[in-house]
C-alpha cells in the first residue's frame, strides 16, 4: 500500500489534494444537510470556507502545476479542473488519470491510451 502522505512527486501531491478536496466536499455536503434539512442556517459557514480555501483553490493550483510538470494536454487539464466542481469528481478524475497513464509513476507502465502501439 502506498503512503498517502508521500509528497515527493507532482503525481503524489496531486493525488493527496484530489483526496483532500473530496473530503472537504463531504464536510460541506454534511453541513448542507444540517442547513437545509435540520434548519441550522449557520451550518455551512465554516465547512464552506474550508472547502473553498483549503480544498478547491489548492486543487486548482495543483492541477495547473501537475499539468505543467507532467506535460498534460489541454484536454486533461480541462478535465482535472472540471472534476473539482461535482462532489467527489476529483477522485474519479485521479483514478482515470492513473488508469490512462497521466499520473506518471502512479500509473501502470504503457497505460497511456494515446501512446503509440507496439508491434
PDB file of N, CA and C in Angstrom:
ATOM      1  N   UNK A   1       0.836  -1.177   0.000  1.00  0.00           N
ATOM      2  CA  UNK A   1       0.000   0.000   0.000  1.00  0.00           C
ATOM      3  C   UNK A   1       0.879   1.239   0.000  1.00  0.00           C
ATOM      4  N   UNK A   2       0.475   2.232  -0.786  1.00  0.00           N
ATOM      5  CA  UNK A   2       1.273   3.441  -0.877  1.00  0.00           C
ATOM      6  C   UNK A   2       0.987   4.371   0.292  1.00  0.00           C
ATOM      7  N   UNK A   3       1.959   5.181   0.615  1.00  0.00           N
ATOM      8  CA  UNK A   3       1.825   6.156   1.681  1.00  0.00           C
ATOM      9  C   UNK A   3       1.189   7.414   1.101  1.00  0.00           C
ATOM     10  N   UNK A   4      -0.007   7.754   1.553  1.00  0.00           N
ATOM     11  CA  UNK A   4      -0.732   8.902   1.002  1.00  0.00           C
ATOM     12  C   UNK A   4      -0.026  10.222   1.313  1.00  0.00           C
ATOM     13  N   UNK A   5       0.790  10.255   2.349  1.00  0.00           N
ATOM     14  CA  UNK A   5       1.463  11.488   2.719  1.00  0.00           C
ATOM     15  C   UNK A   5       2.849  11.633   2.086  1.00  0.00           C
ATOM     16  N   UNK A   6       3.196  10.739   1.175  1.00  0.00           N
ATOM     17  CA  UNK A   6       4.444  10.858   0.421  1.00  0.00           C
ATOM     18  C   UNK A   6       4.220  11.912  -0.664  1.00  0.00           C
ATOM     19  N   UNK A   7       4.864  13.055  -0.537  1.00  0.00           N
ATOM     20  CA  UNK A   7       4.667  14.172  -1.462  1.00  0.00           C
ATOM     21  C   UNK A   7       5.897  14.420  -2.324  1.00  0.00           C
ATOM     22  N   UNK A   8       6.623  13.359  -2.639  1.00  0.00           N
ATOM     23  CA  UNK A   8       7.905  13.505  -3.322  1.00  0.00           C
ATOM     24  C   UNK A   8       7.787  13.804  -4.820  1.00  0.00           C
ATOM     25  N   UNK A   9       6.622  13.607  -5.426  1.00  0.00           N
ATOM     26  CA  UNK A   9       6.479  13.851  -6.867  1.00  0.00           C
ATOM     27  C   UNK A   9       5.201  14.648  -7.133  1.00  0.00           C
ATOM     28  N   UNK A  10       5.117  15.286  -8.303  1.00  0.00           N
ATOM     29  CA  UNK A  10       3.888  16.019  -8.647  1.00  0.00           C
ATOM     30  C   UNK A  10       2.653  15.123  -8.642  1.00  0.00           C
ATOM     31  N   UNK A  11       2.770  13.897  -9.117  1.00  0.00           N
ATOM     32  CA  UNK A  11       1.625  12.982  -9.156  1.00  0.00           C
ATOM     33  C   UNK A  11       1.140  12.649  -7.747  1.00  0.00           C
ATOM     34  N   UNK A  12       2.052  12.451  -6.824  1.00  0.00           N
ATOM     35  CA  UNK A  12       1.669  12.126  -5.451  1.00  0.00           C
ATOM     36  C   UNK A  12       1.045  13.334  -4.754  1.00  0.00           C
ATOM     37  N   UNK A  13       1.554  14.529  -5.036  1.00  0.00           N
ATOM     38  CA  UNK A  13       0.941  15.741  -4.481  1.00  0.00           C
ATOM     39  C   UNK A  13      -0.461  15.933  -5.048  1.00  0.00           C
ATOM     40  N   UNK A  14      -0.622  15.664  -6.344  1.00  0.00           N
ATOM     41  CA  UNK A  14      -1.936  15.770  -6.969  1.00  0.00           C
ATOM     42  C   UNK A  14      -2.914  14.798  -6.324  1.00  0.00           C
ATOM     43  N   UNK A  15      -2.493  13.569  -6.130  1.00  0.00           N
ATOM     44  CA  UNK A  15      -3.363  12.554  -5.518  1.00  0.00           C
ATOM     45  C   UNK A  15      -3.823  12.996  -4.131  1.00  0.00           C
ATOM     46  N   UNK A  16      -2.909  13.496  -3.309  1.00  0.00           N
ATOM     47  CA  UNK A  16      -3.274  13.927  -1.960  1.00  0.00           C
ATOM     48  C   UNK A  16      -4.301  15.053  -2.014  1.00  0.00           C
ATOM     49  N   UNK A  17      -4.082  16.047  -2.856  1.00  0.00           N
ATOM     50  CA  UNK A  17      -5.019  17.161  -2.924  1.00  0.00           C
ATOM     51  C   UNK A  17      -6.348  16.759  -3.546  1.00  0.00           C
ATOM     52  N   UNK A  18      -6.343  15.798  -4.452  1.00  0.00           N
ATOM     53  CA  UNK A  18      -7.609  15.301  -5.003  1.00  0.00           C
ATOM     54  C   UNK A  18      -8.433  14.655  -3.896  1.00  0.00           C
ATOM     55  N   UNK A  19      -7.779  13.894  -3.041  1.00  0.00           N
ATOM     56  CA  UNK A  19      -8.483  13.256  -1.931  1.00  0.00           C
ATOM     57  C   UNK A  19      -8.936  14.295  -0.905  1.00  0.00           C
ATOM     58  N   UNK A  20      -8.086  15.259  -0.612  1.00  0.00           N
ATOM     59  CA  UNK A  20      -8.429  16.294   0.354  1.00  0.00           C
ATOM     60  C   UNK A  20      -9.612  17.128  -0.141  1.00  0.00           C
ATOM     61  N   UNK A  21      -9.650  17.443  -1.423  1.00  0.00           N
ATOM     62  CA  UNK A  21     -10.772  18.210  -1.975  1.00  0.00           C
ATOM     63  C   UNK A  21     -12.067  17.429  -1.821  1.00  0.00           C
ATOM     64  N   UNK A  22     -12.011  16.122  -2.011  1.00  0.00           N
ATOM     65  CA  UNK A  22     -13.198  15.279  -1.831  1.00  0.00           C
ATOM     66  C   UNK A  22     -13.627  15.244  -0.363  1.00  0.00           C
ATOM     67  N   UNK A  23     -12.676  15.223   0.554  1.00  0.00           N
ATOM     68  CA  UNK A  23     -13.007  15.234   1.984  1.00  0.00           C
ATOM     69  C   UNK A  23     -13.701  16.546   2.351  1.00  0.00           C
ATOM     70  N   UNK A  24     -13.201  17.665   1.843  1.00  0.00           N
ATOM     71  CA  UNK A  24     -13.845  18.946   2.145  1.00  0.00           C
ATOM     72  C   UNK A  24     -15.227  19.025   1.510  1.00  0.00           C
ATOM     73  N   UNK A  25     -15.400  18.382   0.344  1.00  0.00           N
ATOM     74  CA  UNK A  25     -16.736  18.309  -0.271  1.00  0.00           C
ATOM     75  C   UNK A  25     -17.676  17.544   0.652  1.00  0.00           C
ATOM     76  N   UNK A  26     -17.208  16.421   1.200  1.00  0.00           N
ATOM     77  CA  UNK A  26     -18.029  15.622   2.100  1.00  0.00           C
ATOM     78  C   UNK A  26     -18.458  16.452   3.313  1.00  0.00           C
ATOM     79  N   UNK A  27     -17.525  17.187   3.890  1.00  0.00           N
ATOM     80  CA  UNK A  27     -17.858  18.039   5.038  1.00  0.00           C
ATOM     81  C   UNK A  27     -18.910  19.077   4.650  1.00  0.00           C
ATOM     82  N   UNK A  28     -18.773  19.645   3.471  1.00  0.00           N
ATOM     83  CA  UNK A  28     -19.742  20.633   3.010  1.00  0.00           C
ATOM     84  C   UNK A  28     -21.111  20.001   2.773  1.00  0.00           C
ATOM     85  N   UNK A  29     -21.145  18.794   2.201  1.00  0.00           N
ATOM     86  CA  UNK A  29     -22.421  18.115   1.981  1.00  0.00           C
ATOM     87  C   UNK A  29     -23.121  17.805   3.305  1.00  0.00           C
ATOM     88  N   UNK A  30     -22.362  17.384   4.301  1.00  0.00           N
ATOM     89  CA  UNK A  30     -22.939  17.131   5.623  1.00  0.00           C
ATOM     90  C   UNK A  30     -23.489  18.427   6.208  1.00  0.00           C
ATOM     91  N   UNK A  31     -22.727  19.497   6.064  1.00  0.00           N
ATOM     92  CA  UNK A  31     -23.190  20.798   6.561  1.00  0.00           C
ATOM     93  C   UNK A  31     -24.440  21.261   5.816  1.00  0.00           C
ATOM     94  N   UNK A  32     -24.513  20.973   4.510  1.00  0.00           N
ATOM     95  CA  UNK A  32     -25.707  21.339   3.746  1.00  0.00           C
ATOM     96  C   UNK A  32     -26.930  20.570   4.247  1.00  0.00           C
ATOM     97  N   UNK A  33     -26.758  19.332   4.646  1.00  0.00           N
ATOM     98  CA  UNK A  33     -27.848  18.566   5.245  1.00  0.00           C
ATOM     99  C   UNK A  33     -28.344  19.267   6.512  1.00  0.00           C
ATOM    100  N   UNK A  34     -27.398  19.673   7.351  1.00  0.00           N
ATOM    101  CA  UNK A  34     -27.784  20.357   8.583  1.00  0.00           C
ATOM    102  C   UNK A  34     -28.504  21.671   8.297  1.00  0.00           C
ATOM    103  N   UNK A  35     -28.086  22.374   7.254  1.00  0.00           N
ATOM    104  CA  UNK A  35     -28.736  23.641   6.929  1.00  0.00           C
ATOM    105  C   UNK A  35     -30.118  23.421   6.324  1.00  0.00           C
ATOM    106  N   UNK A  36     -30.194  22.624   5.280  1.00  0.00           N
ATOM    107  CA  UNK A  36     -31.430  22.527   4.515  1.00  0.00           C
ATOM    108  C   UNK A  36     -32.456  21.562   5.113  1.00  0.00           C
ATOM    109  N   UNK A  37     -32.019  20.542   5.802  1.00  0.00           N
ATOM    110  CA  UNK A  37     -32.964  19.568   6.361  1.00  0.00           C
ATOM    111  C   UNK A  37     -33.276  19.875   7.824  1.00  0.00           C
ATOM    112  N   UNK A  38     -32.255  20.185   8.602  1.00  0.00           N
ATOM    113  CA  UNK A  38     -32.463  20.400  10.027  1.00  0.00           C
ATOM    114  C   UNK A  38     -32.645  21.873  10.404  1.00  0.00           C
ATOM    115  N   UNK A  39     -32.402  22.785   9.451  1.00  0.00           N
ATOM    116  CA  UNK A  39     -32.681  24.190   9.689  1.00  0.00           C
ATOM    117  C   UNK A  39     -31.603  25.001  10.382  1.00  0.00           C
ATOM    118  N   UNK A  40     -30.401  24.490  10.486  1.00  0.00           N
ATOM    119  CA  UNK A  40     -29.304  25.255  11.096  1.00  0.00           C
ATOM    120  C   UNK A  40     -28.664  26.144  10.032  1.00  0.00           C
ATOM    121  N   UNK A  41     -29.103  27.380   9.952  1.00  0.00           N
ATOM    122  CA  UNK A  41     -28.678  28.290   8.878  1.00  0.00           C
ATOM    123  C   UNK A  41     -27.162  28.520   8.850  1.00  0.00           C
ATOM    124  N   UNK A  42     -26.533  28.533  10.001  1.00  0.00           N
ATOM    125  CA  UNK A  42     -25.098  28.827  10.074  1.00  0.00           C
ATOM    126  C   UNK A  42     -24.216  27.606   9.827  1.00  0.00           C
ATOM    127  N   UNK A  43     -24.804  26.456   9.556  1.00  0.00           N
ATOM    128  CA  UNK A  43     -24.062  25.193   9.466  1.00  0.00           C
ATOM    129  C   UNK A  43     -23.025  25.172   8.354  1.00  0.00           C
ATOM    130  N   UNK A  44     -23.243  25.887   7.263  1.00  0.00           N
ATOM    131  CA  UNK A  44     -22.306  25.783   6.142  1.00  0.00           C
ATOM    132  C   UNK A  44     -21.211  26.845   6.148  1.00  0.00           C
ATOM    133  N   UNK A  45     -21.242  27.761   7.082  1.00  0.00           N
ATOM    134  CA  UNK A  45     -20.270  28.856   7.084  1.00  0.00           C
ATOM    135  C   UNK A  45     -18.830  28.346   7.122  1.00  0.00           C
ATOM    136  N   UNK A  46     -18.494  27.559   8.104  1.00  0.00           N
ATOM    137  CA  UNK A  46     -17.106  27.096   8.239  1.00  0.00           C
ATOM    138  C   UNK A  46     -16.763  26.011   7.221  1.00  0.00           C
ATOM    139  N   UNK A  47     -17.574  24.951   7.064  1.00  0.00           N
ATOM    140  CA  UNK A  47     -17.231  23.952   6.047  1.00  0.00           C
ATOM    141  C   UNK A  47     -17.170  24.538   4.632  1.00  0.00           C
ATOM    142  N   UNK A  48     -18.029  25.505   4.341  1.00  0.00           N
ATOM    143  CA  UNK A  48     -17.995  26.142   3.025  1.00  0.00           C
ATOM    144  C   UNK A  48     -16.691  26.891   2.792  1.00  0.00           C
ATOM    145  N   UNK A  49     -16.241  27.615   3.820  1.00  0.00           N
ATOM    146  CA  UNK A  49     -14.986  28.347   3.695  1.00  0.00           C
ATOM    147  C   UNK A  49     -13.798  27.395   3.611  1.00  0.00           C
ATOM    148  N   UNK A  50     -13.823  26.347   4.423  1.00  0.00           N
ATOM    149  CA  UNK A  50     -12.734  25.363   4.387  1.00  0.00           C
ATOM    150  C   UNK A  50     -12.673  24.700   3.013  1.00  0.00           C
ATOM    151  N   UNK A  51     -13.831  24.327   2.473  1.00  0.00           N
ATOM    152  CA  UNK A  51     -13.848  23.705   1.148  1.00  0.00           C
ATOM    153  C   UNK A  51     -13.283  24.650   0.092  1.00  0.00           C
ATOM    154  N   UNK A  52     -13.677  25.896   0.129  1.00  0.00           N
ATOM    155  CA  UNK A  52     -13.193  26.842  -0.875  1.00  0.00           C
ATOM    156  C   UNK A  52     -11.717  27.166  -0.742  1.00  0.00           C
ATOM    157  N   UNK A  53     -11.312  27.524   0.474  1.00  0.00           N
ATOM    158  CA  UNK A  53      -9.948  27.999   0.697  1.00  0.00           C
ATOM    159  C   UNK A  53      -8.931  26.860   0.814  1.00  0.00           C
ATOM    160  N   UNK A  54      -9.308  25.784   1.477  1.00  0.00           N
ATOM    161  CA  UNK A  54      -8.343  24.707   1.714  1.00  0.00           C
ATOM    162  C   UNK A  54      -8.551  23.497   0.810  1.00  0.00           C
ATOM    163  N   UNK A  55      -9.638  23.470   0.055  1.00  0.00           N
ATOM    164  CA  UNK A  55      -9.906  22.337  -0.821  1.00  0.00           C
ATOM    165  C   UNK A  55      -9.880  22.714  -2.291  1.00  0.00           C
ATOM    166  N   UNK A  56     -10.804  23.569  -2.693  1.00  0.00           N
ATOM    167  CA  UNK A  56     -10.967  23.905  -4.101  1.00  0.00           C
ATOM    168  C   UNK A  56      -9.772  24.684  -4.668  1.00  0.00           C
ATOM    169  N   UNK A  57      -9.402  25.778  -4.033  1.00  0.00           N
ATOM    170  CA  UNK A  57      -8.322  26.621  -4.561  1.00  0.00           C
ATOM    171  C   UNK A  57      -6.994  25.864  -4.636  1.00  0.00           C
ATOM    172  N   UNK A  58      -6.577  25.143  -3.585  1.00  0.00           N
ATOM    173  CA  UNK A  58      -5.330  24.374  -3.715  1.00  0.00           C
ATOM    174  C   UNK A  58      -5.415  23.289  -4.799  1.00  0.00           C
ATOM    175  N   UNK A  59      -6.584  22.660  -4.972  1.00  0.00           N
ATOM    176  CA  UNK A  59      -6.709  21.646  -6.016  1.00  0.00           C
ATOM    177  C   UNK A  59      -6.531  22.262  -7.394  1.00  0.00           C
ATOM    178  N   UNK A  60      -7.134  23.401  -7.632  1.00  0.00           N
ATOM    179  CA  UNK A  60      -6.984  24.067  -8.932  1.00  0.00           C
ATOM    180  C   UNK A  60      -5.512  24.423  -9.160  1.00  0.00           C
ATOM    181  N   UNK A  61      -4.862  24.942  -8.129  1.00  0.00           N
ATOM    182  CA  UNK A  61      -3.442  25.296  -8.260  1.00  0.00           C
ATOM    183  C   UNK A  61      -2.594  24.052  -8.551  1.00  0.00           C
ATOM    184  N   UNK A  62      -2.827  22.962  -7.831  1.00  0.00           N
ATOM    185  CA  UNK A  62      -2.024  21.748  -8.058  1.00  0.00           C
ATOM    186  C   UNK A  62      -2.340  21.140  -9.406  1.00  0.00           C
ATOM    187  N   UNK A  63      -3.555  21.318  -9.903  1.00  0.00           N
ATOM    188  CA  UNK A  63      -3.887  20.815 -11.239  1.00  0.00           C
ATOM    189  C   UNK A  63      -3.032  21.521 -12.289  1.00  0.00           C
ATOM    190  N   UNK A  64      -2.902  22.836 -12.176  1.00  0.00           N
ATOM    191  CA  UNK A  64      -2.057  23.572 -13.122  1.00  0.00           C
ATOM    192  C   UNK A  64      -0.593  23.164 -12.980  1.00  0.00           C
ATOM    193  N   UNK A  65      -0.102  23.049 -11.751  1.00  0.00           N
ATOM    194  CA  UNK A  65       1.297  22.659 -11.541  1.00  0.00           C
ATOM    195  C   UNK A  65       1.579  21.242 -12.048  1.00  0.00           C
ATOM    196  N   UNK A  66       0.647  20.331 -11.813  1.00  0.00           N
ATOM    197  CA  UNK A  66       0.814  18.960 -12.281  1.00  0.00           C
ATOM    198  C   UNK A  66       0.758  18.901 -13.796  1.00  0.00           C
ATOM    199  N   UNK A  67      -0.155  19.657 -14.383  1.00  0.00           N
ATOM    200  CA  UNK A  67      -0.255  19.707 -15.849  1.00  0.00           C
ATOM    201  C   UNK A  67       1.058  20.187 -16.458  1.00  0.00           C
ATOM    202  N   UNK A  68       1.660  21.169 -15.835  1.00  0.00           N
ATOM    203  CA  UNK A  68       2.925  21.697 -16.342  1.00  0.00           C
ATOM    204  C   UNK A  68       4.044  20.671 -16.130  1.00  0.00           C
ATOM    205  N   UNK A  69       4.108  20.072 -14.945  1.00  0.00           N
ATOM    206  CA  UNK A  69       5.181  19.119 -14.638  1.00  0.00           C
ATOM    207  C   UNK A  69       5.097  17.844 -15.465  1.00  0.00           C
ATOM    208  N   UNK A  70       3.883  17.337 -15.650  1.00  0.00           N
ATOM    209  CA  UNK A  70       3.713  16.064 -16.355  1.00  0.00           C
ATOM    210  C   UNK A  70       3.337  16.245 -17.822  1.00  0.00           C
ATOM    211  N   UNK A  71       3.360  17.495 -18.274  1.00  0.00           N
ATOM    212  CA  UNK A  71       3.104  17.825 -19.686  1.00  0.00           C
ATOM    213  C   UNK A  71       1.750  17.295 -20.174  1.00  0.00           C
ATOM    214  N   UNK A  72       0.709  17.582 -19.371  1.00  0.00           N
ATOM    215  CA  UNK A  72      -0.642  17.218 -19.779  1.00  0.00           C
ATOM    216  C   UNK A  72      -1.080  18.056 -20.965  1.00  0.00           C
ATOM    217  N   UNK A  73      -1.924  17.500 -21.808  1.00  0.00           N
ATOM    218  CA  UNK A  73      -2.521  18.303 -22.866  1.00  0.00           C
ATOM    219  C   UNK A  73      -3.659  19.137 -22.259  1.00  0.00           C
ATOM    220  N   UNK A  74      -4.193  20.064 -23.041  1.00  0.00           N
ATOM    221  CA  UNK A  74      -5.242  20.950 -22.536  1.00  0.00           C
ATOM    222  C   UNK A  74      -6.513  20.193 -22.160  1.00  0.00           C
ATOM    223  N   UNK A  75      -6.812  19.120 -22.868  1.00  0.00           N
ATOM    224  CA  UNK A  75      -7.999  18.323 -22.553  1.00  0.00           C
ATOM    225  C   UNK A  75      -7.889  17.736 -21.150  1.00  0.00           C
ATOM    226  N   UNK A  76      -6.732  17.182 -20.821  1.00  0.00           N
ATOM    227  CA  UNK A  76      -6.539  16.580 -19.498  1.00  0.00           C
ATOM    228  C   UNK A  76      -6.609  17.642 -18.409  1.00  0.00           C
ATOM    229  N   UNK A  77      -5.986  18.792 -18.635  1.00  0.00           N
ATOM    230  CA  UNK A  77      -6.064  19.888 -17.667  1.00  0.00           C
ATOM    231  C   UNK A  77      -7.513  20.332 -17.493  1.00  0.00           C
ATOM    232  N   UNK A  78      -8.242  20.477 -18.585  1.00  0.00           N
ATOM    233  CA  UNK A  78      -9.639  20.878 -18.523  1.00  0.00           C
ATOM    234  C   UNK A  78     -10.457  19.880 -17.705  1.00  0.00           C
ATOM    235  N   UNK A  79     -10.253  18.596 -17.958  1.00  0.00           N
ATOM    236  CA  UNK A  79     -10.977  17.570 -17.202  1.00  0.00           C
ATOM    237  C   UNK A  79     -10.624  17.616 -15.713  1.00  0.00           C
ATOM    238  N   UNK A  80      -9.362  17.873 -15.402  1.00  0.00           N
ATOM    239  CA  UNK A  80      -8.958  17.987 -13.996  1.00  0.00           C
ATOM    240  C   UNK A  80      -9.673  19.160 -13.328  1.00  0.00           C
ATOM    241  N   UNK A  81      -9.730  20.296 -14.022  1.00  0.00           N
ATOM    242  CA  UNK A  81     -10.380  21.473 -13.453  1.00  0.00           C
ATOM    243  C   UNK A  81     -11.884  21.257 -13.294  1.00  0.00           C
ATOM    244  N   UNK A  82     -12.517  20.654 -14.283  1.00  0.00           N
ATOM    245  CA  UNK A  82     -13.956  20.390 -14.217  1.00  0.00           C
ATOM    246  C   UNK A  82     -14.268  19.379 -13.114  1.00  0.00           C
ATOM    247  N   UNK A  83     -13.340  18.471 -12.852  1.00  0.00           N
ATOM    248  CA  UNK A  83     -13.588  17.441 -11.832  1.00  0.00           C
ATOM    249  C   UNK A  83     -13.737  18.025 -10.439  1.00  0.00           C
ATOM    250  N   UNK A  84     -13.284  19.253 -10.240  1.00  0.00           N
ATOM    251  CA  UNK A  84     -13.390  19.858  -8.913  1.00  0.00           C
ATOM    252  C   UNK A  84     -14.780  20.419  -8.635  1.00  0.00           C
ATOM    253  N   UNK A  85     -15.649  20.441  -9.639  1.00  0.00           N
ATOM    254  CA  UNK A  85     -16.978  21.022  -9.455  1.00  0.00           C
ATOM    255  C   UNK A  85     -17.972  20.031  -8.823  1.00  0.00           C
ATOM    256  N   UNK A  86     -18.178  18.839  -9.376  1.00  0.00           N
ATOM    257  CA  UNK A  86     -19.133  17.932  -8.719  1.00  0.00           C
ATOM    258  C   UNK A  86     -18.496  17.262  -7.498  1.00  0.00           C
ATOM    259  N   UNK A  87     -19.309  16.914  -6.520  1.00  0.00           N
ATOM    260  CA  UNK A  87     -18.765  16.215  -5.347  1.00  0.00           C
ATOM    261  C   UNK A  87     -18.034  14.934  -5.748  1.00  0.00           C
ATOM    262  N   UNK A  88     -16.857  14.751  -5.219  1.00  0.00           N
ATOM    263  CA  UNK A  88     -16.011  13.572  -5.401  1.00  0.00           C
ATOM    264  C   UNK A  88     -15.510  13.390  -6.839  1.00  0.00           C
ATOM    265  N   UNK A  89     -15.666  14.393  -7.667  1.00  0.00           N
ATOM    266  CA  UNK A  89     -15.176  14.330  -9.040  1.00  0.00           C
ATOM    267  C   UNK A  89     -13.663  14.240  -9.117  1.00  0.00           C
ATOM    268  N   UNK A  90     -12.979  14.813  -8.149  1.00  0.00           N
ATOM    269  CA  UNK A  90     -11.515  14.762  -8.169  1.00  0.00           C
ATOM    270  C   UNK A  90     -11.007  13.336  -7.991  1.00  0.00           C
ATOM    271  N   UNK A  91     -11.732  12.539  -7.207  1.00  0.00           N
ATOM    272  CA  UNK A  91     -11.344  11.140  -7.022  1.00  0.00           C
ATOM    273  C   UNK A  91     -11.552  10.372  -8.320  1.00  0.00           C
ATOM    274  N   UNK A  92     -12.675  10.630  -8.979  1.00  0.00           N
ATOM    275  CA  UNK A  92     -12.953   9.972 -10.263  1.00  0.00           C
ATOM    276  C   UNK A  92     -11.884  10.345 -11.274  1.00  0.00           C
ATOM    277  N   UNK A  93     -11.539  11.635 -11.350  1.00  0.00           N
ATOM    278  CA  UNK A  93     -10.507  12.070 -12.291  1.00  0.00           C
ATOM    279  C   UNK A  93      -9.161  11.442 -11.955  1.00  0.00           C
ATOM    280  N   UNK A  94      -8.799  11.432 -10.684  1.00  0.00           N
ATOM    281  CA  UNK A  94      -7.495  10.884 -10.285  1.00  0.00           C
ATOM    282  C   UNK A  94      -7.388   9.416 -10.676  1.00  0.00           C
ATOM    283  N   UNK A  95      -8.434   8.653 -10.462  1.00  0.00           N
ATOM    284  CA  UNK A  95      -8.409   7.230 -10.836  1.00  0.00           C
ATOM    285  C   UNK A  95      -8.323   7.065 -12.351  1.00  0.00           C
ATOM    286  N   UNK A  96      -9.046   7.906 -13.077  1.00  0.00           N
ATOM    287  CA  UNK A  96      -8.971   7.872 -14.547  1.00  0.00           C
ATOM    288  C   UNK A  96      -7.563   8.235 -15.010  1.00  0.00           C
ATOM    289  N   UNK A  97      -6.965   9.260 -14.401  1.00  0.00           N
ATOM    290  CA  UNK A  97      -5.627   9.692 -14.789  1.00  0.00           C
ATOM    291  C   UNK A  97      -4.587   8.605 -14.517  1.00  0.00           C
ATOM    292  N   UNK A  98      -4.738   7.890 -13.419  1.00  0.00           N
ATOM    293  CA  UNK A  98      -3.834   6.772 -13.127  1.00  0.00           C
ATOM    294  C   UNK A  98      -4.021   5.680 -14.170  1.00  0.00           C
ATOM    295  N   UNK A  99      -5.256   5.345 -14.436  1.00  0.00           N
ATOM    296  CA  UNK A  99      -5.569   4.258 -15.379  1.00  0.00           C
ATOM    297  C   UNK A  99      -5.061   4.556 -16.788  1.00  0.00           C
ATOM    298  N   UNK A 100      -5.115   5.814 -17.190  1.00  0.00           N
ATOM    299  CA  UNK A 100      -4.726   6.181 -18.554  1.00  0.00           C
ATOM    300  C   UNK A 100      -3.270   6.654 -18.659  1.00  0.00           C
ATOM    301  N   UNK A 101      -2.516   6.562 -17.578  1.00  0.00           N
ATOM    302  CA  UNK A 101      -1.093   6.872 -17.639  1.00  0.00           C
ATOM    303  C   UNK A 101      -0.751   8.343 -17.516  1.00  0.00           C
ATOM    304  N   UNK A 102      -1.651   9.155 -17.031  1.00  0.00           N
ATOM    305  CA  UNK A 102      -1.401  10.590 -16.941  1.00  0.00           C
ATOM    306  C   UNK A 102      -0.814  11.031 -15.599  1.00  0.00           C
ATOM    307  N   UNK A 103      -0.637  10.093 -14.671  1.00  0.00           N
ATOM    308  CA  UNK A 103      -0.055  10.453 -13.387  1.00  0.00           C
ATOM    309  C   UNK A 103       1.276   9.741 -13.146  1.00  0.00           C
ATOM    310  N   UNK A 104       2.103   9.749 -14.152  1.00  0.00           N
ATOM    311  CA  UNK A 104       3.489   9.294 -14.074  1.00  0.00           C
ATOM    312  C   UNK A 104       3.650   7.971 -13.332  1.00  0.00           C
ATOM    313  N   UNK A 105       4.410   7.989 -12.245  1.00  0.00           N
ATOM    314  CA  UNK A 105       4.767   6.742 -11.558  1.00  0.00           C
ATOM    315  C   UNK A 105       3.582   6.081 -10.864  1.00  0.00           C
ATOM    316  N   UNK A 106       2.475   6.773 -10.700  1.00  0.00           N
ATOM    317  CA  UNK A 106       1.293   6.149 -10.106  1.00  0.00           C
ATOM    318  C   UNK A 106       0.563   5.257 -11.109  1.00  0.00           C
ATOM    319  N   UNK A 107       0.858   5.456 -12.392  1.00  0.00           N
ATOM    320  CA  UNK A 107       0.199   4.700 -13.453  1.00  0.00           C
ATOM    321  C   UNK A 107       1.008   3.463 -13.819  1.00  0.00           C
ATOM    322  N   UNK A 108       0.321   2.505 -14.402  1.00  0.00           N
ATOM    323  CA  UNK A 108       0.997   1.303 -14.883  1.00  0.00           C
ATOM    324  C   UNK A 108       1.818   1.643 -16.115  1.00  0.00           C
ATOM    325  N   UNK A 109       2.974   1.032 -16.295  1.00  0.00           N
ATOM    326  CA  UNK A 109       3.763   1.280 -17.499  1.00  0.00           C
ATOM    327  C   UNK A 109       2.969   0.916 -18.749  1.00  0.00           C
ATOM    328  N   UNK A 110       3.020   1.799 -19.736  1.00  0.00           N
ATOM    329  CA  UNK A 110       2.362   1.542 -21.004  1.00  0.00           C
ATOM    330  C   UNK A 110       0.856   1.696 -20.962  1.00  0.00           C
ATOM    331  N   UNK A 111       0.331   2.390 -19.954  1.00  0.00           N
ATOM    332  CA  UNK A 111      -1.116   2.507 -19.860  1.00  0.00           C
ATOM    333  C   UNK A 111      -1.673   3.746 -20.536  1.00  0.00           C
ATOM    334  N   UNK A 112      -0.823   4.572 -21.071  1.00  0.00           N
ATOM    335  CA  UNK A 112      -1.290   5.791 -21.744  1.00  0.00           C
ATOM    336  C   UNK A 112      -2.101   5.423 -22.956  1.00  0.00           C
ATOM    337  N   UNK A 113      -3.359   5.849 -23.012  1.00  0.00           N
ATOM    338  CA  UNK A 113      -4.264   5.418 -24.080  1.00  0.00           C
ATOM    339  C   UNK A 113      -3.889   5.974 -25.449  1.00  0.00           C
ATOM    340  N   UNK A 114      -3.169   7.113 -25.466  1.00  0.00           N
ATOM    341  CA  UNK A 114      -2.796   7.646 -26.764  1.00  0.00           C
ATOM    342  C   UNK A 114      -1.323   7.350 -27.095  1.00  0.00           C
ATOM    343  N   UNK A 115      -0.733   6.430 -26.339  1.00  0.00           N
ATOM    344  CA  UNK A 115       0.641   6.034 -26.627  1.00  0.00           C
ATOM    345  C   UNK A 115       0.670   5.203 -27.916  1.00  0.00           C
ATOM    346  N   UNK A 116       1.753   5.311 -28.664  1.00  0.00           N
ATOM    347  CA  UNK A 116       1.829   4.524 -29.899  1.00  0.00           C
ATOM    348  C   UNK A 116       1.822   3.031 -29.588  1.00  0.00           C
ATOM    349  N   UNK A 117       1.121   2.296 -30.391  1.00  0.00           N
ATOM    350  CA  UNK A 117       1.045   0.840 -30.207  1.00  0.00           C
ATOM    351  C   UNK A 117       2.363   0.203 -30.635  1.00  0.00           C
ATOM    352  N   UNK A 118       2.777  -0.801 -29.887  1.00  0.00           N
ATOM    353  CA  UNK A 118       3.992  -1.509 -30.257  1.00  0.00           C
ATOM    354  C   UNK A 118       3.602  -2.794 -30.988  1.00  0.00           C
ATOM    355  N   UNK A 119       4.392  -3.140 -31.985  1.00  0.00           N
ATOM    356  CA  UNK A 119       4.078  -4.326 -32.787  1.00  0.00           C
ATOM    357  C   UNK A 119       4.966  -5.464 -32.364  1.00  0.00           C
TER     358      UNK A 119
END
